[in-house]
Amino acid sequence: MDKLKCPLGLTALYLKYSSESSGQHMIFVKQHAVRERHPDKPSDRTLFMLNIPPYCTEESLKFAWRECGAVKAVFFHSKPSASVPLVDESPFFPTHEVVKGFKVAYVVFEKPEGLMRALNWNQDQPLILSSSESPLLCGTSKWCTEYNARIPDVNAMKEDVDSYMAAYDKKVQKEIEKEKAEGEEDEDGWITVSKRGRNPGFARTENKTKKILANEDKKRSKKELLNIYSFQIREAKMKNLMTLRQKFEEDKKKIQMLKTARKFKPF
């Protein structure tokens, strides 16, 4: 049977949970080839897979492609991507979301021959994800395993927190030593002034700058004497009149928009 070719150079293959399963799931594969190359996804060894079901894991895909050759890595993404997923530094405090639902996968073989065998896979032979030797957990067994995995080892968590705090303290100490070194005179007699000290000042952010300028305008307005001269009174009246006219025109436009948008039109 000839392989079913799809748009964009994809090839349709079938996926089964186990060899005893009667149902099959269709996936689409092709060689990974993009302009922005990543060293962890070499185009001569990476297989791009679409429509991967939610229950698939890295181990199950490694098991499915075992006849083609050893698989070095499997990456999951919610949509096609040239990069690799970010890895959490701590197993207890994840900062990146896990890909859920249907997804795309990148299977990186150890040798280019593995990719060639995968691209020439017989369509009549479905890929098998699970076996008695390499089971893929689903249903209640999967939920129970995930629930038990969420219960952390207190000692291991304490070690992880201690190592993080030790690295943070070391980083802060390096910054302090660097600023102390900058506070000393260089060869030309110059001293670099830092924000640390008795009066460290404040951060020069945009919000801070706006607040300072607003306060200055408020102080200046209190000192200025307005509407003393007749021309100042005339200018103030003209500005007020222009503001009222502008607001009147805006209200007219709003009323017209509401009239055109209303659903019930009795006449």
C-alpha atoms as a PDB file:
ATOM      1  CA  MET A   1       0.000   0.000   0.000  1.00  0.00           C
ATOM      2  CA  ASP A   2       1.362   3.426  -0.946  1.00  0.00           C
ATOM      3  CA  LYS A   3       1.794   5.934   1.816  1.00  0.00           C
ATOM      4  CA  LEU A   4      -0.926   8.522   2.227  1.00  0.00           C
ATOM      5  CA  LYS A   5       0.713  11.856   1.421  1.00  0.00           C
ATOM      6  CA  CYS A   6      -0.670  15.032   2.978  1.00  0.00           C
ATOM      7  CA  PRO A   7      -0.060  18.734   2.333  1.00  0.00           C
ATOM      8  CA  LEU A   8       3.232  20.325   3.433  1.00  0.00           C
ATOM      9  CA  GLY A   9       5.109  17.073   2.772  1.00  0.00           C
ATOM     10  CA  LEU A  10       3.568  15.234   5.741  1.00  0.00           C
ATOM     11  CA  THR A  11       3.023  11.480   5.807  1.00  0.00           C
ATOM     12  CA  ALA A  12       0.089   9.879   7.634  1.00  0.00           C
ATOM     13  CA  LEU A  13       0.805   6.995  10.019  1.00  0.00           C
ATOM     14  CA  TYR A  14      -1.278   5.154  12.585  1.00  0.00           C
ATOM     15  CA  LEU A  15      -0.721   4.990  16.324  1.00  0.00           C
ATOM     16  CA  LYS A  16      -2.045   2.350  18.729  1.00  0.00           C
ATOM     17  CA  TYR A  17      -1.962   2.249  22.511  1.00  0.00           C
ATOM     18  CA  SER A  18      -0.990  -1.427  22.514  1.00  0.00           C
ATOM     19  CA  SER A  19      -0.899  -4.316  20.065  1.00  0.00           C
ATOM     20  CA  GLU A  20      -4.229  -5.591  21.483  1.00  0.00           C
ATOM     21  CA  SER A  21      -6.022  -2.252  20.938  1.00  0.00           C
ATOM     22  CA  SER A  22      -8.694  -2.175  18.243  1.00  0.00           C
ATOM     23  CA  GLY A  23      -8.704   1.608  17.816  1.00  0.00           C
ATOM     24  CA  GLN A  24      -6.076   3.560  15.887  1.00  0.00           C
ATOM     25  CA  HIS A  25      -5.079   7.200  15.983  1.00  0.00           C
ATOM     26  CA  MET A  26      -3.731   8.995  12.903  1.00  0.00           C
ATOM     27  CA  ILE A  27      -0.598  11.114  13.205  1.00  0.00           C
ATOM     28  CA  PHE A  28       1.443  13.031  10.632  1.00  0.00           C
ATOM     29  CA  VAL A  29       5.231  12.979  10.329  1.00  0.00           C
ATOM     30  CA  LYS A  30       7.987  14.550   8.260  1.00  0.00           C
ATOM     31  CA  GLN A  31      11.620  15.542   8.550  1.00  0.00           C
ATOM     32  CA  HIS A  32      12.274  18.587  10.715  1.00  0.00           C
ATOM     33  CA  ALA A  33      13.689  21.317   8.472  1.00  0.00           C
ATOM     34  CA  VAL A  34      13.443  25.021   9.324  1.00  0.00           C
ATOM     35  CA  ARG A  35      15.544  28.123   8.720  1.00  0.00           C
ATOM     36  CA  GLU A  36      16.224  28.799  12.404  1.00  0.00           C
ATOM     37  CA  ARG A  37      18.233  25.745  13.394  1.00  0.00           C
ATOM     38  CA  HIS A  38      18.802  24.603  16.952  1.00  0.00           C
ATOM     39  CA  PRO A  39      21.760  22.380  17.918  1.00  0.00           C
ATOM     40  CA  ASP A  40      19.470  20.071  19.920  1.00  0.00           C
ATOM     41  CA  LYS A  41      17.220  19.542  16.855  1.00  0.00           C
ATOM     42  CA  PRO A  42      19.542  18.668  13.961  1.00  0.00           C
ATOM     43  CA  SER A  43      17.573  18.381  10.724  1.00  0.00           C
ATOM     44  CA  ASP A  44      19.335  15.160   9.639  1.00  0.00           C
ATOM     45  CA  ARG A  45      18.259  13.319  12.829  1.00  0.00           C
ATOM     46  CA  THR A  46      14.970  14.966  13.917  1.00  0.00           C
ATOM     47  CA  LEU A  47      11.464  13.717  13.077  1.00  0.00           C
ATOM     48  CA  PHE A  48       8.560  16.186  13.322  1.00  0.00           C
ATOM     49  CA  MET A  49       5.239  14.663  14.499  1.00  0.00           C
ATOM     50  CA  LEU A  50       1.767  16.261  14.477  1.00  0.00           C
ATOM     51  CA  ASN A  51      -1.532  15.375  16.226  1.00  0.00           C
ATOM     52  CA  ILE A  52       0.112  13.589  19.161  1.00  0.00           C
ATOM     53  CA  PRO A  53      -2.552  12.525  21.718  1.00  0.00           C
ATOM     54  CA  PRO A  54      -2.400  13.861  25.297  1.00  0.00           C
ATOM     55  CA  TYR A  55      -1.501  10.519  26.911  1.00  0.00           C
ATOM     56  CA  CYS A  56       1.765  10.166  24.937  1.00  0.00           C
ATOM     57  CA  THR A  57       4.992  10.474  26.909  1.00  0.00           C
ATOM     58  CA  GLU A  58       8.646  10.699  25.969  1.00  0.00           C
ATOM     59  CA  GLU A  59       9.236   7.084  26.960  1.00  0.00           C
ATOM     60  CA  SER A  60       6.260   5.842  24.939  1.00  0.00           C
ATOM     61  CA  LEU A  61       7.505   7.551  21.759  1.00  0.00           C
ATOM     62  CA  LYS A  62      11.006   6.180  22.331  1.00  0.00           C
ATOM     63  CA  PHE A  63       9.418   2.736  22.624  1.00  0.00           C
ATOM     64  CA  ALA A  64       7.313   3.288  19.482  1.00  0.00           C
ATOM     65  CA  TRP A  65      10.354   4.130  17.324  1.00  0.00           C
ATOM     66  CA  ARG A  66      12.698   1.550  18.879  1.00  0.00           C
ATOM     67  CA  GLU A  67      12.856  -0.518  15.659  1.00  0.00           C
ATOM     68  CA  CYS A  68      14.230   2.488  13.736  1.00  0.00           C
ATOM     69  CA  GLY A  69      17.096   3.066  16.139  1.00  0.00           C
ATOM     70  CA  ALA A  70      18.017   4.606  19.469  1.00  0.00           C
ATOM     71  CA  VAL A  71      16.230   7.855  20.288  1.00  0.00           C
ATOM     72  CA  LYS A  72      18.356  10.535  21.934  1.00  0.00           C
ATOM     73  CA  ALA A  73      15.602  12.969  22.983  1.00  0.00           C
ATOM     74  CA  VAL A  74      11.900  13.764  22.615  1.00  0.00           C
ATOM     75  CA  PHE A  75      10.556  17.328  22.840  1.00  0.00           C
ATOM     76  CA  PHE A  76       6.881  18.284  23.213  1.00  0.00           C
ATOM     77  CA  HIS A  77       5.413  21.671  22.189  1.00  0.00           C
ATOM     78  CA  SER A  78       1.899  23.050  22.023  1.00  0.00           C
ATOM     79  CA  LYS A  79       2.669  24.273  18.473  1.00  0.00           C
ATOM     80  CA  PRO A  80       5.618  23.927  16.065  1.00  0.00           C
ATOM     81  CA  SER A  81       8.768  25.587  17.367  1.00  0.00           C
ATOM     82  CA  ALA A  82      12.399  25.740  16.306  1.00  0.00           C
ATOM     83  CA  SER A  83      13.664  25.976  19.905  1.00  0.00           C
ATOM     84  CA  VAL A  84      13.543  23.413  22.722  1.00  0.00           C
ATOM     85  CA  PRO A  85      11.274  23.562  25.797  1.00  0.00           C
ATOM     86  CA  LEU A  86      12.630  25.334  28.854  1.00  0.00           C
ATOM     87  CA  VAL A  87      13.655  23.042  31.694  1.00  0.00           C
ATOM     88  CA  ASP A  88      12.815  23.818  35.313  1.00  0.00           C
ATOM     89  CA  GLU A  89      15.851  24.143  37.553  1.00  0.00           C
ATOM     90  CA  SER A  90      13.944  22.901  40.594  1.00  0.00           C
ATOM     91  CA  PRO A  91      11.706  19.788  40.599  1.00  0.00           C
ATOM     92  CA  PHE A  92       9.681  21.220  43.516  1.00  0.00           C
ATOM     93  CA  PHE A  93       9.093  24.774  42.229  1.00  0.00           C
ATOM     94  CA  PRO A  94       8.324  24.608  38.481  1.00  0.00           C
ATOM     95  CA  THR A  95       8.196  27.875  36.582  1.00  0.00           C
ATOM     96  CA  HIS A  96       7.159  26.523  33.158  1.00  0.00           C
ATOM     97  CA  GLU A  97       3.782  25.055  32.227  1.00  0.00           C
ATOM     98  CA  VAL A  98       3.489  21.435  31.104  1.00  0.00           C
ATOM     99  CA  VAL A  99       2.134  20.950  27.576  1.00  0.00           C
ATOM    100  CA  LYS A 100      -1.400  19.565  27.845  1.00  0.00           C
ATOM    101  CA  GLY A 101      -3.881  18.279  25.293  1.00  0.00           C
ATOM    102  CA  PHE A 102      -2.962  17.408  21.723  1.00  0.00           C
ATOM    103  CA  LYS A 103       0.562  18.526  20.871  1.00  0.00           C
ATOM    104  CA  VAL A 104       3.473  18.275  18.462  1.00  0.00           C
ATOM    105  CA  ALA A 105       6.588  16.209  19.096  1.00  0.00           C
ATOM    106  CA  TYR A 106      10.184  16.247  17.887  1.00  0.00           C
ATOM    107  CA  VAL A 107      11.941  12.874  18.022  1.00  0.00           C
ATOM    108  CA  VAL A 108      15.732  13.177  17.798  1.00  0.00           C
ATOM    109  CA  PHE A 109      17.508   9.956  16.822  1.00  0.00           C
ATOM    110  CA  GLU A 110      21.107   9.252  17.723  1.00  0.00           C
ATOM    111  CA  LYS A 111      21.994   8.495  14.095  1.00  0.00           C
ATOM    112  CA  PRO A 112      20.671   9.789  10.739  1.00  0.00           C
ATOM    113  CA  GLU A 113      19.811   6.218   9.743  1.00  0.00           C
ATOM    114  CA  GLY A 114      17.117   6.190  12.415  1.00  0.00           C
ATOM    115  CA  LEU A 115      15.372   9.163  10.812  1.00  0.00           C
ATOM    116  CA  MET A 116      15.524   7.544   7.369  1.00  0.00           C
ATOM    117  CA  ARG A 117      13.916   4.363   8.693  1.00  0.00           C
ATOM    118  CA  ALA A 118      11.194   6.385  10.401  1.00  0.00           C
ATOM    119  CA  LEU A 119      10.416   8.324   7.199  1.00  0.00           C
ATOM    120  CA  ASN A 120      10.156   5.018   5.284  1.00  0.00           C
ATOM    121  CA  TRP A 121       7.957   3.362   7.916  1.00  0.00           C
ATOM    122  CA  ASN A 122       5.336   0.957   6.549  1.00  0.00           C
ATOM    123  CA  GLN A 123       1.914   2.556   6.851  1.00  0.00           C
ATOM    124  CA  ASP A 124       0.248  -0.850   7.301  1.00  0.00           C
ATOM    125  CA  GLN A 125       2.230  -1.315  10.528  1.00  0.00           C
ATOM    126  CA  PRO A 126       0.888   0.951  13.335  1.00  0.00           C
ATOM    127  CA  LEU A 127       3.243   2.380  15.914  1.00  0.00           C
ATOM    128  CA  ILE A 128       2.778   0.711  19.312  1.00  0.00           C
ATOM    129  CA  LEU A 129       3.126   2.930  22.389  1.00  0.00           C
ATOM    130  CA  SER A 130       2.793   0.436  25.245  1.00  0.00           C
ATOM    131  CA  SER A 131       3.613  -3.156  26.149  1.00  0.00           C
ATOM    132  CA  SER A 132       3.856  -5.268  29.284  1.00  0.00           C
ATOM    133  CA  GLU A 133       7.605  -4.589  29.425  1.00  0.00           C
ATOM    134  CA  SER A 134       7.169  -0.840  28.831  1.00  0.00           C
ATOM    135  CA  PRO A 135       3.669   0.109  30.060  1.00  0.00           C
ATOM    136  CA  LEU A 136       2.066   3.494  29.377  1.00  0.00           C
ATOM    137  CA  LEU A 137      -0.076   4.567  32.327  1.00  0.00           C
ATOM    138  CA  CYS A 138      -3.594   5.822  31.626  1.00  0.00           C
ATOM    139  CA  GLY A 139      -6.815   6.357  33.529  1.00  0.00           C
ATOM    140  CA  THR A 140      -6.919   5.853  37.300  1.00  0.00           C
ATOM    141  CA  SER A 141      -3.432   4.323  37.469  1.00  0.00           C
ATOM    142  CA  LYS A 142      -1.996   7.464  35.867  1.00  0.00           C
ATOM    143  CA  TRP A 143      -3.968   9.770  38.190  1.00  0.00           C
ATOM    144  CA  CYS A 144      -2.814   7.838  41.272  1.00  0.00           C
ATOM    145  CA  THR A 145       0.822   7.967  40.122  1.00  0.00           C
ATOM    146  CA  GLU A 146       0.615  11.727  39.455  1.00  0.00           C
ATOM    147  CA  TYR A 147      -1.047  12.302  42.840  1.00  0.00           C
ATOM    148  CA  ASN A 148       1.677  10.377  44.677  1.00  0.00           C
ATOM    149  CA  ALA A 149       4.344  12.257  42.721  1.00  0.00           C
ATOM    150  CA  ARG A 150       2.912  15.563  43.969  1.00  0.00           C
ATOM    151  CA  ILE A 151       3.697  14.604  47.575  1.00  0.00           C
ATOM    152  CA  PRO A 152       7.249  15.968  47.976  1.00  0.00           C
ATOM    153  CA  ASP A 153      10.112  14.466  49.908  1.00  0.00           C
ATOM    154  CA  VAL A 154      10.652  16.966  52.738  1.00  0.00           C
ATOM    155  CA  ASN A 155      14.382  16.318  53.046  1.00  0.00           C
ATOM    156  CA  ALA A 156      14.957  16.627  49.308  1.00  0.00           C
ATOM    157  CA  MET A 157      12.915  19.842  49.193  1.00  0.00           C
ATOM    158  CA  LYS A 158      14.926  21.280  52.097  1.00  0.00           C
ATOM    159  CA  GLU A 159      18.171  20.513  50.258  1.00  0.00           C
ATOM    160  CA  ASP A 160      16.831  22.163  47.118  1.00  0.00           C
ATOM    161  CA  VAL A 161      15.813  25.313  49.023  1.00  0.00           C
ATOM    162  CA  ASP A 162      19.132  25.461  50.884  1.00  0.00           C
ATOM    163  CA  SER A 163      21.122  25.159  47.652  1.00  0.00           C
ATOM    164  CA  TYR A 164      19.034  27.895  46.022  1.00  0.00           C
ATOM    165  CA  MET A 165      19.506  30.258  48.974  1.00  0.00           C
ATOM    166  CA  ALA A 166      23.235  29.530  49.087  1.00  0.00           C
ATOM    167  CA  ALA A 167      23.553  30.401  45.391  1.00  0.00           C
ATOM    168  CA  TYR A 168      21.455  33.561  45.903  1.00  0.00           C
ATOM    169  CA  ASP A 169      23.557  34.714  48.881  1.00  0.00           C
ATOM    170  CA  LYS A 170      26.701  34.109  46.870  1.00  0.00           C
ATOM    171  CA  LYS A 171      25.329  36.197  44.008  1.00  0.00           C
ATOM    172  CA  VAL A 172      24.388  39.087  46.336  1.00  0.00           C
ATOM    173  CA  GLN A 173      27.809  38.972  47.998  1.00  0.00           C
ATOM    174  CA  LYS A 174      29.504  39.199  44.607  1.00  0.00           C
ATOM    175  CA  GLU A 175      27.426  42.275  43.721  1.00  0.00           C
ATOM    176  CA  ILE A 176      28.340  43.959  47.025  1.00  0.00           C
ATOM    177  CA  GLU A 177      32.043  43.226  46.524  1.00  0.00           C
ATOM    178  CA  LYS A 178      31.844  44.548  42.981  1.00  0.00           C
ATOM    179  CA  GLU A 179      30.257  47.823  44.137  1.00  0.00           C
ATOM    180  CA  LYS A 180      32.859  48.183  46.906  1.00  0.00           C
ATOM    181  CA  ALA A 181      35.595  47.760  44.319  1.00  0.00           C
ATOM    182  CA  GLU A 182      33.932  50.391  42.127  1.00  0.00           C
ATOM    183  CA  GLY A 183      33.877  52.782  45.106  1.00  0.00           C
ATOM    184  CA  GLU A 184      37.659  52.826  45.241  1.00  0.00           C
ATOM    185  CA  GLU A 185      39.787  55.181  43.189  1.00  0.00           C
ATOM    186  CA  ASP A 186      41.045  53.915  39.870  1.00  0.00           C
ATOM    187  CA  GLU A 187      44.393  54.711  38.258  1.00  0.00           C
ATOM    188  CA  ASP A 188      43.155  58.130  37.115  1.00  0.00           C
ATOM    189  CA  GLY A 189      41.715  59.029  40.533  1.00  0.00           C
ATOM    190  CA  TRP A 190      38.033  58.557  39.536  1.00  0.00           C
ATOM    191  CA  ILE A 191      35.476  56.977  41.854  1.00  0.00           C
ATOM    192  CA  THR A 192      32.366  55.192  40.540  1.00  0.00           C
ATOM    193  CA  VAL A 193      29.318  56.232  42.571  1.00  0.00           C
ATOM    194  CA  SER A 194      26.717  53.481  43.167  1.00  0.00           C
ATOM    195  CA  LYS A 195      23.167  53.606  44.558  1.00  0.00           C
ATOM    196  CA  ARG A 196      24.105  51.778  47.775  1.00  0.00           C
ATOM    197  CA  GLY A 197      24.882  53.719  50.917  1.00  0.00           C
ATOM    198  CA  ARG A 198      23.101  55.658  53.640  1.00  0.00           C
ATOM    199  CA  ASN A 199      20.889  57.414  51.053  1.00  0.00           C
ATOM    200  CA  PRO A 200      20.583  54.960  48.175  1.00  0.00           C
ATOM    201  CA  GLY A 201      18.110  57.178  46.288  1.00  0.00           C
ATOM    202  CA  PHE A 202      15.331  55.713  44.179  1.00  0.00           C
ATOM    203  CA  ALA A 203      14.950  53.819  40.953  1.00  0.00           C
ATOM    204  CA  ARG A 204      14.763  56.050  37.874  1.00  0.00           C
ATOM    205  CA  THR A 205      11.712  54.366  36.419  1.00  0.00           C
ATOM    206  CA  GLU A 206       9.129  55.939  34.121  1.00  0.00           C
ATOM    207  CA  ASN A 207       6.410  55.936  36.797  1.00  0.00           C
ATOM    208  CA  LYS A 208       8.693  57.637  39.308  1.00  0.00           C
ATOM    209  CA  THR A 209       9.656  60.289  36.768  1.00  0.00           C
ATOM    210  CA  LYS A 210       6.004  61.019  35.907  1.00  0.00           C
ATOM    211  CA  LYS A 211       5.106  61.312  39.595  1.00  0.00           C
ATOM    212  CA  ILE A 212       7.954  63.754  40.222  1.00  0.00           C
ATOM    213  CA  LEU A 213       6.992  65.899  37.223  1.00  0.00           C
ATOM    214  CA  ALA A 214       3.339  65.934  38.337  1.00  0.00           C
ATOM    215  CA  ASN A 215       4.348  67.109  41.808  1.00  0.00           C
ATOM    216  CA  GLU A 216       6.520  69.835  40.318  1.00  0.00           C
ATOM    217  CA  ASP A 217       3.646  71.059  38.119  1.00  0.00           C
ATOM    218  CA  LYS A 218       1.359  71.109  41.154  1.00  0.00           C
ATOM    219  CA  LYS A 219       3.831  73.213  43.146  1.00  0.00           C
ATOM    220  CA  ARG A 220       4.342  75.567  40.223  1.00  0.00           C
ATOM    221  CA  SER A 221       0.586  76.056  39.723  1.00  0.00           C
ATOM    222  CA  LYS A 222       0.205  77.111  43.359  1.00  0.00           C
ATOM    223  CA  LYS A 223       2.854  79.785  42.942  1.00  0.00           C
ATOM    224  CA  GLU A 224       1.443  81.161  39.691  1.00  0.00           C
ATOM    225  CA  LEU A 225      -1.291  83.838  39.858  1.00  0.00           C
ATOM    226  CA  LEU A 226      -3.891  83.072  37.215  1.00  0.00           C
ATOM    227  CA  ASN A 227      -6.675  85.180  35.699  1.00  0.00           C
ATOM    228  CA  ILE A 228      -5.346  88.512  36.934  1.00  0.00           C
ATOM    229  CA  TYR A 229      -5.235  90.203  33.560  1.00  0.00           C
ATOM    230  CA  SER A 230      -8.174  90.527  31.190  1.00  0.00           C
ATOM    231  CA  PHE A 231      -6.456  88.620  28.358  1.00  0.00           C
ATOM    232  CA  GLN A 232      -5.935  85.681  30.738  1.00  0.00           C
ATOM    233  CA  ILE A 233      -9.656  85.667  31.536  1.00  0.00           C
ATOM    234  CA  ARG A 234     -10.515  85.728  27.821  1.00  0.00           C
ATOM    235  CA  GLU A 235      -8.102  82.870  27.050  1.00  0.00           C
ATOM    236  CA  ALA A 236      -9.497  80.777  29.903  1.00  0.00           C
ATOM    237  CA  LYS A 237     -13.058  81.309  28.642  1.00  0.00           C
ATOM    238  CA  MET A 238     -12.071  80.385  25.075  1.00  0.00           C
ATOM    239  CA  LYS A 239     -10.325  77.202  26.241  1.00  0.00           C
ATOM    240  CA  ASN A 240     -13.339  76.224  28.312  1.00  0.00           C
ATOM    241  CA  LEU A 241     -15.665  76.850  25.362  1.00  0.00           C
ATOM    242  CA  MET A 242     -13.503  74.749  23.028  1.00  0.00           C
ATOM    243  CA  THR A 243     -13.462  71.909  25.550  1.00  0.00           C
ATOM    244  CA  LEU A 244     -17.256  71.985  25.849  1.00  0.00           C
ATOM    245  CA  ARG A 245     -17.685  71.969  22.061  1.00  0.00           C
ATOM    246  CA  GLN A 246     -15.306  69.044  21.687  1.00  0.00           C
ATOM    247  CA  LYS A 247     -17.139  67.080  24.386  1.00  0.00           C
ATOM    248  CA  PHE A 248     -20.485  67.893  22.707  1.00  0.00           C
ATOM    249  CA  GLU A 249     -19.270  66.526  19.364  1.00  0.00           C
ATOM    250  CA  GLU A 250     -17.957  63.350  21.034  1.00  0.00           C
ATOM    251  CA  ASP A 251     -21.307  62.809  22.781  1.00  0.00           C
ATOM    252  CA  LYS A 252     -23.138  63.226  19.456  1.00  0.00           C
ATOM    253  CA  LYS A 253     -20.948  60.543  17.877  1.00  0.00           C
ATOM    254  CA  LYS A 254     -21.570  58.183  20.791  1.00  0.00           C
ATOM    255  CA  ILE A 255     -25.359  58.664  20.545  1.00  0.00           C
ATOM    256  CA  GLN A 256     -25.235  58.007  16.792  1.00  0.00           C
ATOM    257  CA  MET A 257     -23.247  54.806  17.320  1.00  0.00           C
ATOM    258  CA  LEU A 258     -25.712  53.595  19.953  1.00  0.00           C
ATOM    259  CA  LYS A 259     -28.643  54.266  17.594  1.00  0.00           C
ATOM    260  CA  THR A 260     -27.059  52.304  14.751  1.00  0.00           C
ATOM    261  CA  ALA A 261     -26.028  49.419  17.039  1.00  0.00           C
ATOM    262  CA  ARG A 262     -29.369  48.844  18.743  1.00  0.00           C
ATOM    263  CA  LYS A 263     -31.183  45.673  17.708  1.00  0.00           C
ATOM    264  CA  PHE A 264     -34.795  46.737  18.380  1.00  0.00           C
ATOM    265  CA  LYS A 265     -35.879  49.309  15.791  1.00  0.00           C
ATOM    266  CA  PRO A 266     -39.616  50.020  16.042  1.00  0.00           C
ATOM    267  CA  PHE A 267     -39.464  52.588  13.203  1.00  0.00           C
END
